[in-house]
């Protein structure tokens, strides 16, 4: 579990690591599909997972395509441009990180929270929002911040 504070509101993220695509669950809110920038087979597996997710109609779920080990520039076997093209093709967000050097890890976590909040705002606008306390909290936040839904782009986790 990781706590993320964004705009004065704390969110707790729980992560579940699955190395295969046999575990696809509609209850999962965000998939972070990770590959190693210096490992072409891991990239190919990640693309297959993206394909499977989209083919099984997981359109409502947020998917972030993460190229880890971005610090290993000389041994890179997957270009940033190639990975971005895959993200656009499969309608998901894209980021490159280096867990070892802690590069863009915070941006990834904040991006996950931001994507969840954007989705919740969209559900409120379309009437598909959860009912009860969660719905009330989201409505209040929306009124306070008066933010409109922003169309997403694959390279920016904050929209």
N, C-alpha and C. Protein backbone atom coordinates (compact mmCIF):
# COMPACT_ATOMS: atom_id res chain seq x y z
N UNK A 1 0.83 -1.18 0.00
CA UNK A 1 0.00 0.00 0.00
C UNK A 1 0.88 1.25 0.00
N UNK A 2 0.41 2.24 -0.74
CA UNK A 2 1.12 3.51 -0.84
C UNK A 2 0.11 4.63 -0.65
N UNK A 3 0.47 5.60 0.18
CA UNK A 3 -0.37 6.78 0.38
C UNK A 3 0.12 7.88 -0.55
N UNK A 4 -0.82 8.50 -1.26
CA UNK A 4 -0.49 9.59 -2.18
C UNK A 4 -1.34 10.79 -1.80
N UNK A 5 -0.67 11.91 -1.55
CA UNK A 5 -1.36 13.15 -1.22
C UNK A 5 -1.36 14.04 -2.46
N UNK A 6 -2.57 14.38 -2.93
CA UNK A 6 -2.72 15.21 -4.11
C UNK A 6 -3.80 16.24 -3.85
N UNK A 7 -3.45 17.50 -3.99
CA UNK A 7 -4.39 18.61 -3.77
C UNK A 7 -5.05 18.54 -2.39
N UNK A 8 -4.26 18.17 -1.39
CA UNK A 8 -4.76 18.15 -0.02
C UNK A 8 -5.61 16.95 0.33
N UNK A 9 -5.78 16.02 -0.59
CA UNK A 9 -6.58 14.82 -0.33
C UNK A 9 -5.69 13.58 -0.44
N UNK A 10 -5.74 12.75 0.58
CA UNK A 10 -4.91 11.55 0.60
C UNK A 10 -5.67 10.37 -0.01
N UNK A 11 -4.96 9.61 -0.82
CA UNK A 11 -5.51 8.41 -1.44
C UNK A 11 -4.57 7.25 -1.13
N UNK A 12 -5.14 6.11 -0.77
CA UNK A 12 -4.36 4.91 -0.50
C UNK A 12 -4.46 4.00 -1.71
N UNK A 13 -3.30 3.66 -2.28
CA UNK A 13 -3.25 2.77 -3.43
C UNK A 13 -2.78 1.40 -2.97
N UNK A 14 -3.47 0.36 -3.39
CA UNK A 14 -3.06 -1.02 -3.12
C UNK A 14 -2.61 -1.64 -4.43
N UNK A 15 -1.48 -2.31 -4.40
CA UNK A 15 -0.93 -2.92 -5.60
C UNK A 15 -0.95 -4.43 -5.48
N UNK A 16 -1.23 -5.07 -6.60
CA UNK A 16 -1.21 -6.52 -6.69
C UNK A 16 -0.39 -6.87 -7.92
N UNK A 17 0.70 -7.59 -7.72
CA UNK A 17 1.58 -7.93 -8.83
C UNK A 17 1.19 -9.27 -9.42
N UNK A 18 0.97 -9.27 -10.72
CA UNK A 18 0.64 -10.49 -11.46
C UNK A 18 1.54 -10.56 -12.69
N UNK A 19 2.36 -11.59 -12.81
CA UNK A 19 3.26 -11.68 -13.95
C UNK A 19 2.60 -12.21 -15.22
N UNK A 20 1.34 -12.63 -15.15
CA UNK A 20 0.70 -13.22 -16.31
C UNK A 20 -0.59 -12.48 -16.65
N UNK A 21 -1.20 -12.86 -17.75
CA UNK A 21 -2.45 -12.22 -18.16
C UNK A 21 -3.66 -13.07 -17.83
N UNK A 22 -3.47 -14.13 -17.09
CA UNK A 22 -4.59 -14.98 -16.72
C UNK A 22 -5.49 -14.31 -15.69
N UNK A 23 -4.97 -13.33 -15.00
CA UNK A 23 -5.74 -12.65 -13.96
C UNK A 23 -6.20 -11.29 -14.48
N UNK A 24 -7.36 -11.28 -15.09
CA UNK A 24 -7.99 -10.04 -15.53
C UNK A 24 -9.28 -9.90 -14.76
N UNK A 25 -9.41 -8.81 -14.06
CA UNK A 25 -10.54 -8.63 -13.15
C UNK A 25 -11.22 -7.30 -13.42
N UNK A 26 -12.53 -7.32 -13.59
CA UNK A 26 -13.27 -6.08 -13.81
C UNK A 26 -13.22 -5.16 -12.60
N UNK A 27 -12.94 -5.71 -11.42
CA UNK A 27 -12.88 -4.89 -10.20
C UNK A 27 -11.59 -4.08 -10.11
N UNK A 28 -10.59 -4.44 -10.89
CA UNK A 28 -9.33 -3.69 -10.90
C UNK A 28 -9.59 -2.33 -11.53
N UNK A 29 -9.16 -1.28 -10.84
CA UNK A 29 -9.42 0.07 -11.33
C UNK A 29 -8.33 0.58 -12.27
N UNK A 30 -7.09 0.17 -12.02
CA UNK A 30 -5.96 0.63 -12.83
C UNK A 30 -5.02 -0.54 -13.06
N UNK A 31 -4.61 -0.71 -14.29
CA UNK A 31 -3.55 -1.65 -14.62
C UNK A 31 -2.30 -0.84 -14.95
N UNK A 32 -1.19 -1.17 -14.32
CA UNK A 32 0.10 -0.60 -14.71
C UNK A 32 0.88 -1.75 -15.35
N UNK A 33 1.04 -1.68 -16.64
CA UNK A 33 1.74 -2.72 -17.39
C UNK A 33 3.19 -2.27 -17.53
N UNK A 34 4.10 -3.02 -16.91
CA UNK A 34 5.50 -2.62 -16.83
C UNK A 34 6.36 -3.53 -17.72
N UNK A 35 7.25 -2.91 -18.45
CA UNK A 35 8.26 -3.64 -19.21
C UNK A 35 9.61 -2.99 -18.92
N UNK A 36 10.68 -3.69 -19.23
CA UNK A 36 12.03 -3.14 -19.04
C UNK A 36 12.51 -2.56 -20.37
N UNK A 37 12.96 -1.32 -20.34
CA UNK A 37 13.43 -0.64 -21.56
C UNK A 37 14.61 -1.35 -22.21
N UNK A 38 15.32 -2.15 -21.44
CA UNK A 38 16.49 -2.86 -21.97
C UNK A 38 16.20 -4.34 -22.25
N UNK A 39 14.93 -4.70 -22.33
CA UNK A 39 14.55 -6.11 -22.49
C UNK A 39 13.41 -6.22 -23.49
N UNK A 40 13.73 -6.47 -24.75
CA UNK A 40 12.73 -6.56 -25.82
C UNK A 40 11.66 -7.62 -25.52
N UNK A 41 12.00 -8.82 -25.04
CA UNK A 41 10.95 -9.80 -24.74
C UNK A 41 9.94 -9.30 -23.68
N UNK A 42 10.40 -8.54 -22.70
CA UNK A 42 9.46 -8.03 -21.70
C UNK A 42 8.51 -7.00 -22.34
N UNK A 43 9.01 -6.21 -23.28
CA UNK A 43 8.18 -5.27 -24.02
C UNK A 43 7.13 -6.02 -24.84
N UNK A 44 7.56 -7.07 -25.52
CA UNK A 44 6.62 -7.85 -26.33
C UNK A 44 5.53 -8.48 -25.47
N UNK A 45 5.91 -8.99 -24.29
CA UNK A 45 4.90 -9.54 -23.36
C UNK A 45 3.94 -8.45 -22.90
N UNK A 46 4.47 -7.28 -22.61
CA UNK A 46 3.63 -6.17 -22.16
C UNK A 46 2.63 -5.77 -23.25
N UNK A 47 3.08 -5.73 -24.49
CA UNK A 47 2.18 -5.40 -25.60
C UNK A 47 1.09 -6.46 -25.72
N UNK A 48 1.45 -7.72 -25.55
CA UNK A 48 0.44 -8.79 -25.58
C UNK A 48 -0.59 -8.62 -24.47
N UNK A 49 -0.14 -8.20 -23.31
CA UNK A 49 -1.08 -7.96 -22.20
C UNK A 49 -2.02 -6.81 -22.55
N UNK A 50 -1.48 -5.73 -23.12
CA UNK A 50 -2.32 -4.61 -23.55
C UNK A 50 -3.36 -5.08 -24.56
N UNK A 51 -2.93 -5.87 -25.52
CA UNK A 51 -3.84 -6.40 -26.54
C UNK A 51 -4.95 -7.21 -25.89
N UNK A 52 -4.58 -8.08 -24.96
CA UNK A 52 -5.57 -8.92 -24.28
C UNK A 52 -6.55 -8.09 -23.47
N UNK A 53 -6.04 -7.10 -22.75
CA UNK A 53 -6.92 -6.24 -21.96
C UNK A 53 -7.94 -5.53 -22.85
N UNK A 54 -7.48 -4.97 -23.93
CA UNK A 54 -8.39 -4.23 -24.81
C UNK A 54 -9.34 -5.16 -25.56
N UNK A 55 -8.88 -6.34 -25.89
CA UNK A 55 -9.73 -7.29 -26.60
C UNK A 55 -10.85 -7.82 -25.70
N UNK A 56 -10.58 -7.91 -24.43
CA UNK A 56 -11.58 -8.43 -23.48
C UNK A 56 -12.46 -7.31 -22.94
N UNK A 57 -12.53 -6.22 -23.67
CA UNK A 57 -13.44 -5.12 -23.36
C UNK A 57 -13.19 -4.48 -22.00
N UNK A 58 -11.96 -4.29 -21.64
CA UNK A 58 -11.62 -3.59 -20.40
C UNK A 58 -11.43 -2.11 -20.70
N UNK A 59 -12.34 -1.52 -21.46
CA UNK A 59 -12.24 -0.12 -21.88
C UNK A 59 -12.41 0.85 -20.72
N UNK A 60 -13.19 0.47 -19.74
CA UNK A 60 -13.44 1.39 -18.63
C UNK A 60 -12.29 1.46 -17.65
N UNK A 61 -11.36 0.53 -17.76
CA UNK A 61 -10.25 0.51 -16.82
C UNK A 61 -9.10 1.38 -17.32
N UNK A 62 -8.45 2.00 -16.37
CA UNK A 62 -7.31 2.85 -16.68
C UNK A 62 -6.10 1.95 -16.85
N UNK A 63 -5.36 2.17 -17.93
CA UNK A 63 -4.15 1.39 -18.18
C UNK A 63 -2.99 2.36 -18.37
N UNK A 64 -1.92 2.10 -17.64
CA UNK A 64 -0.70 2.90 -17.76
C UNK A 64 0.41 1.96 -18.23
N UNK A 65 1.07 2.33 -19.31
CA UNK A 65 2.16 1.56 -19.89
C UNK A 65 3.46 2.16 -19.39
N UNK A 66 4.22 1.40 -18.61
CA UNK A 66 5.40 1.93 -17.91
C UNK A 66 6.67 1.24 -18.37
N UNK A 67 7.57 2.03 -18.96
CA UNK A 67 8.88 1.52 -19.34
C UNK A 67 9.85 1.74 -18.19
N UNK A 68 10.17 0.69 -17.48
CA UNK A 68 11.09 0.79 -16.35
C UNK A 68 12.54 0.66 -16.85
N UNK A 69 13.46 1.06 -16.02
CA UNK A 69 14.90 1.05 -16.32
C UNK A 69 15.26 2.06 -17.40
N UNK A 70 14.58 3.19 -17.39
CA UNK A 70 14.84 4.23 -18.39
C UNK A 70 16.24 4.82 -18.25
N UNK A 71 16.88 4.57 -17.12
CA UNK A 71 18.23 5.08 -16.89
C UNK A 71 19.29 4.29 -17.67
N UNK A 72 18.96 3.11 -18.15
CA UNK A 72 19.92 2.28 -18.86
C UNK A 72 19.93 2.64 -20.35
N UNK A 73 20.36 3.83 -20.65
CA UNK A 73 20.27 4.39 -22.00
C UNK A 73 21.09 3.57 -23.00
N UNK A 74 22.27 3.19 -22.65
CA UNK A 74 23.15 2.49 -23.60
C UNK A 74 22.68 1.08 -23.92
N UNK A 75 21.97 0.46 -23.00
CA UNK A 75 21.50 -0.91 -23.27
C UNK A 75 20.03 -0.97 -23.65
N UNK A 76 19.45 0.17 -23.94
CA UNK A 76 18.03 0.25 -24.30
C UNK A 76 17.77 -0.52 -25.59
N UNK A 77 16.72 -1.35 -25.57
CA UNK A 77 16.32 -2.06 -26.79
C UNK A 77 14.93 -1.66 -27.27
N UNK A 78 14.26 -0.81 -26.49
CA UNK A 78 12.94 -0.30 -26.87
C UNK A 78 13.01 1.22 -26.83
N UNK A 79 12.71 1.86 -27.94
CA UNK A 79 12.77 3.32 -27.97
C UNK A 79 11.52 3.91 -27.31
N UNK A 80 11.69 5.12 -26.83
CA UNK A 80 10.56 5.84 -26.24
C UNK A 80 9.46 6.04 -27.28
N UNK A 81 9.84 6.37 -28.49
CA UNK A 81 8.87 6.60 -29.56
C UNK A 81 8.05 5.35 -29.86
N UNK A 82 8.72 4.20 -29.87
CA UNK A 82 8.02 2.94 -30.13
C UNK A 82 7.00 2.65 -29.02
N UNK A 83 7.41 2.86 -27.79
CA UNK A 83 6.51 2.61 -26.66
C UNK A 83 5.34 3.59 -26.65
N UNK A 84 5.61 4.86 -26.98
CA UNK A 84 4.52 5.84 -27.06
C UNK A 84 3.51 5.45 -28.13
N UNK A 85 4.01 4.96 -29.25
CA UNK A 85 3.11 4.53 -30.33
C UNK A 85 2.21 3.39 -29.87
N UNK A 86 2.76 2.48 -29.10
CA UNK A 86 1.96 1.38 -28.56
C UNK A 86 0.89 1.93 -27.61
N UNK A 87 1.28 2.88 -26.77
CA UNK A 87 0.33 3.48 -25.82
C UNK A 87 -0.83 4.15 -26.56
N UNK A 88 -0.52 4.85 -27.63
CA UNK A 88 -1.58 5.49 -28.42
C UNK A 88 -2.47 4.44 -29.06
N UNK A 89 -1.86 3.40 -29.61
CA UNK A 89 -2.62 2.33 -30.26
C UNK A 89 -3.60 1.68 -29.31
N UNK A 90 -3.18 1.44 -28.08
CA UNK A 90 -4.03 0.74 -27.11
C UNK A 90 -4.73 1.68 -26.14
N UNK A 91 -4.74 2.96 -26.46
CA UNK A 91 -5.48 3.96 -25.68
C UNK A 91 -5.14 3.90 -24.19
N UNK A 92 -3.86 4.04 -23.90
CA UNK A 92 -3.44 4.04 -22.50
C UNK A 92 -2.41 5.15 -22.28
N UNK A 93 -2.15 5.43 -21.04
CA UNK A 93 -1.16 6.43 -20.68
C UNK A 93 0.23 5.81 -20.77
N UNK A 94 1.24 6.67 -20.92
CA UNK A 94 2.61 6.17 -21.03
C UNK A 94 3.54 6.99 -20.15
N UNK A 95 4.46 6.29 -19.51
CA UNK A 95 5.50 6.93 -18.71
C UNK A 95 6.72 6.02 -18.70
N UNK A 96 7.89 6.62 -18.57
CA UNK A 96 9.11 5.85 -18.35
C UNK A 96 9.63 6.17 -16.96
N UNK A 97 10.05 5.14 -16.25
CA UNK A 97 10.52 5.29 -14.89
C UNK A 97 11.86 4.59 -14.71
N UNK A 98 12.50 4.91 -13.61
CA UNK A 98 13.66 4.16 -13.14
C UNK A 98 13.47 3.99 -11.64
N UNK A 99 13.06 2.82 -11.26
CA UNK A 99 12.81 2.56 -9.84
C UNK A 99 14.11 2.66 -9.05
N UNK A 100 15.21 2.19 -9.62
CA UNK A 100 16.49 2.21 -8.93
C UNK A 100 16.92 3.64 -8.59
N UNK A 101 16.73 4.56 -9.54
CA UNK A 101 17.13 5.96 -9.33
C UNK A 101 15.96 6.83 -8.87
N UNK A 102 14.80 6.23 -8.70
CA UNK A 102 13.58 6.94 -8.28
C UNK A 102 13.23 8.07 -9.25
N UNK A 103 13.35 7.79 -10.54
CA UNK A 103 13.02 8.76 -11.57
C UNK A 103 11.59 8.53 -12.04
N UNK A 104 10.76 9.55 -11.91
CA UNK A 104 9.36 9.56 -12.33
C UNK A 104 8.47 8.58 -11.56
N UNK A 105 8.94 8.03 -10.48
CA UNK A 105 8.11 7.12 -9.68
C UNK A 105 6.99 7.90 -9.00
N UNK A 106 7.32 9.04 -8.43
CA UNK A 106 6.28 9.88 -7.81
C UNK A 106 5.27 10.34 -8.85
N UNK A 107 5.75 10.70 -10.04
CA UNK A 107 4.85 11.13 -11.11
C UNK A 107 3.89 10.01 -11.49
N UNK A 108 4.38 8.78 -11.50
CA UNK A 108 3.54 7.63 -11.80
C UNK A 108 2.43 7.48 -10.76
N UNK A 109 2.80 7.55 -9.49
CA UNK A 109 1.81 7.39 -8.42
C UNK A 109 0.79 8.52 -8.43
N UNK A 110 1.26 9.74 -8.59
CA UNK A 110 0.33 10.88 -8.66
C UNK A 110 -0.54 10.75 -9.91
N UNK A 111 0.04 10.29 -11.00
CA UNK A 111 -0.72 10.09 -12.23
C UNK A 111 -1.83 9.07 -12.07
N UNK A 112 -1.57 8.00 -11.33
CA UNK A 112 -2.60 6.99 -11.05
C UNK A 112 -3.76 7.64 -10.31
N UNK A 113 -3.44 8.39 -9.27
CA UNK A 113 -4.49 9.05 -8.48
C UNK A 113 -5.25 10.05 -9.35
N UNK A 114 -4.54 10.83 -10.15
CA UNK A 114 -5.19 11.82 -11.00
C UNK A 114 -6.12 11.15 -12.01
N UNK A 115 -5.68 10.06 -12.60
CA UNK A 115 -6.52 9.33 -13.55
C UNK A 115 -7.78 8.80 -12.88
N UNK A 116 -7.64 8.29 -11.67
CA UNK A 116 -8.82 7.81 -10.93
C UNK A 116 -9.80 8.95 -10.66
N UNK A 117 -9.28 10.09 -10.30
CA UNK A 117 -10.15 11.24 -10.02
C UNK A 117 -10.83 11.74 -11.29
N UNK A 118 -10.11 11.76 -12.39
CA UNK A 118 -10.72 12.17 -13.67
C UNK A 118 -11.85 11.21 -14.03
N UNK A 119 -11.60 9.92 -13.87
CA UNK A 119 -12.64 8.94 -14.19
C UNK A 119 -13.85 9.12 -13.29
N UNK A 120 -13.62 9.35 -12.00
CA UNK A 120 -14.73 9.55 -11.07
C UNK A 120 -15.54 10.79 -11.44
N UNK A 121 -14.85 11.86 -11.83
CA UNK A 121 -15.55 13.08 -12.26
C UNK A 121 -16.41 12.79 -13.49
N UNK A 122 -15.87 12.02 -14.43
CA UNK A 122 -16.61 11.68 -15.64
C UNK A 122 -17.84 10.85 -15.30
N UNK A 123 -17.71 9.94 -14.34
CA UNK A 123 -18.85 9.12 -13.94
C UNK A 123 -19.93 9.97 -13.28
N UNK A 124 -19.53 10.97 -12.53
CA UNK A 124 -20.51 11.87 -11.91
C UNK A 124 -21.26 12.62 -13.01
N UNK A 125 -20.53 13.11 -14.01
CA UNK A 125 -21.15 13.87 -15.09
C UNK A 125 -22.12 13.04 -15.90
N UNK A 126 -21.81 11.76 -16.11
CA UNK A 126 -22.67 10.90 -16.93
C UNK A 126 -23.73 10.18 -16.12
N UNK A 127 -23.69 10.33 -14.81
CA UNK A 127 -24.68 9.67 -13.97
C UNK A 127 -24.34 8.23 -13.63
N UNK A 128 -23.13 7.80 -13.91
CA UNK A 128 -22.71 6.43 -13.61
C UNK A 128 -21.88 6.36 -12.34
N UNK A 129 -21.95 7.37 -11.52
CA UNK A 129 -21.11 7.45 -10.32
C UNK A 129 -21.64 6.53 -9.24
N UNK A 130 -20.76 6.12 -8.32
CA UNK A 130 -21.20 5.33 -7.18
C UNK A 130 -22.12 6.18 -6.31
N UNK A 131 -22.98 5.51 -5.57
CA UNK A 131 -23.89 6.24 -4.68
C UNK A 131 -23.34 6.23 -3.27
N UNK A 132 -23.89 7.07 -2.43
CA UNK A 132 -23.48 7.10 -1.02
C UNK A 132 -22.40 8.11 -0.77
N UNK A 133 -21.57 7.81 0.22
CA UNK A 133 -20.53 8.75 0.66
C UNK A 133 -19.53 9.09 -0.45
N UNK A 134 -19.13 8.07 -1.21
CA UNK A 134 -18.15 8.32 -2.27
C UNK A 134 -18.71 9.31 -3.29
N UNK A 135 -19.96 9.12 -3.67
CA UNK A 135 -20.58 10.02 -4.63
C UNK A 135 -20.67 11.44 -4.09
N UNK A 136 -21.06 11.57 -2.84
CA UNK A 136 -21.17 12.89 -2.22
C UNK A 136 -19.82 13.58 -2.16
N UNK A 137 -18.78 12.85 -1.77
CA UNK A 137 -17.44 13.43 -1.70
C UNK A 137 -16.96 13.91 -3.06
N UNK A 138 -17.20 13.11 -4.07
CA UNK A 138 -16.77 13.48 -5.42
C UNK A 138 -17.52 14.72 -5.87
N UNK A 139 -18.82 14.78 -5.61
CA UNK A 139 -19.62 15.94 -6.01
C UNK A 139 -19.13 17.21 -5.32
N UNK A 140 -18.83 17.11 -4.05
CA UNK A 140 -18.34 18.27 -3.30
C UNK A 140 -17.01 18.74 -3.87
N UNK A 141 -16.09 17.80 -4.12
CA UNK A 141 -14.79 18.16 -4.69
C UNK A 141 -14.95 18.82 -6.05
N UNK A 142 -15.85 18.29 -6.84
CA UNK A 142 -16.06 18.86 -8.17
C UNK A 142 -16.55 20.30 -8.07
N UNK A 143 -17.45 20.55 -7.14
CA UNK A 143 -17.96 21.91 -6.96
C UNK A 143 -16.86 22.85 -6.46
N UNK A 144 -16.03 22.35 -5.55
CA UNK A 144 -14.96 23.18 -5.00
C UNK A 144 -13.95 23.55 -6.09
N UNK A 145 -13.50 22.55 -6.84
CA UNK A 145 -12.45 22.79 -7.82
C UNK A 145 -12.99 23.28 -9.17
N UNK A 146 -14.28 23.07 -9.43
CA UNK A 146 -14.94 23.51 -10.66
C UNK A 146 -14.13 23.16 -11.89
N UNK A 147 -13.72 21.92 -11.96
CA UNK A 147 -12.90 21.48 -13.08
C UNK A 147 -13.77 20.78 -14.12
N UNK A 148 -13.48 21.06 -15.36
CA UNK A 148 -14.14 20.38 -16.45
C UNK A 148 -13.32 19.14 -16.81
N UNK A 149 -13.98 18.17 -17.41
CA UNK A 149 -13.29 16.97 -17.85
C UNK A 149 -12.34 17.34 -18.99
N UNK A 150 -11.09 16.91 -18.86
CA UNK A 150 -10.08 17.21 -19.87
C UNK A 150 -9.82 15.94 -20.66
N UNK A 151 -9.81 16.04 -21.97
CA UNK A 151 -9.54 14.87 -22.78
C UNK A 151 -8.09 14.44 -22.58
N UNK A 152 -7.89 13.14 -22.52
CA UNK A 152 -6.58 12.63 -22.16
C UNK A 152 -5.66 12.49 -23.37
N UNK A 153 -4.38 12.54 -23.09
CA UNK A 153 -3.37 12.26 -24.09
C UNK A 153 -2.46 11.21 -23.48
N UNK A 154 -1.90 10.35 -24.32
CA UNK A 154 -1.15 9.22 -23.78
C UNK A 154 0.10 9.63 -23.01
N UNK A 155 0.70 10.76 -23.32
CA UNK A 155 1.95 11.14 -22.69
C UNK A 155 1.83 11.93 -21.41
N UNK A 156 0.62 12.29 -21.00
CA UNK A 156 0.45 13.11 -19.81
C UNK A 156 -0.48 12.40 -18.83
N UNK A 157 0.06 11.97 -17.71
CA UNK A 157 -0.74 11.25 -16.72
C UNK A 157 -1.68 12.15 -15.95
N UNK A 158 -1.54 13.44 -16.09
CA UNK A 158 -2.34 14.37 -15.29
C UNK A 158 -3.60 14.83 -16.00
N UNK A 159 -3.80 14.40 -17.25
CA UNK A 159 -5.04 14.73 -17.96
C UNK A 159 -5.64 13.49 -18.57
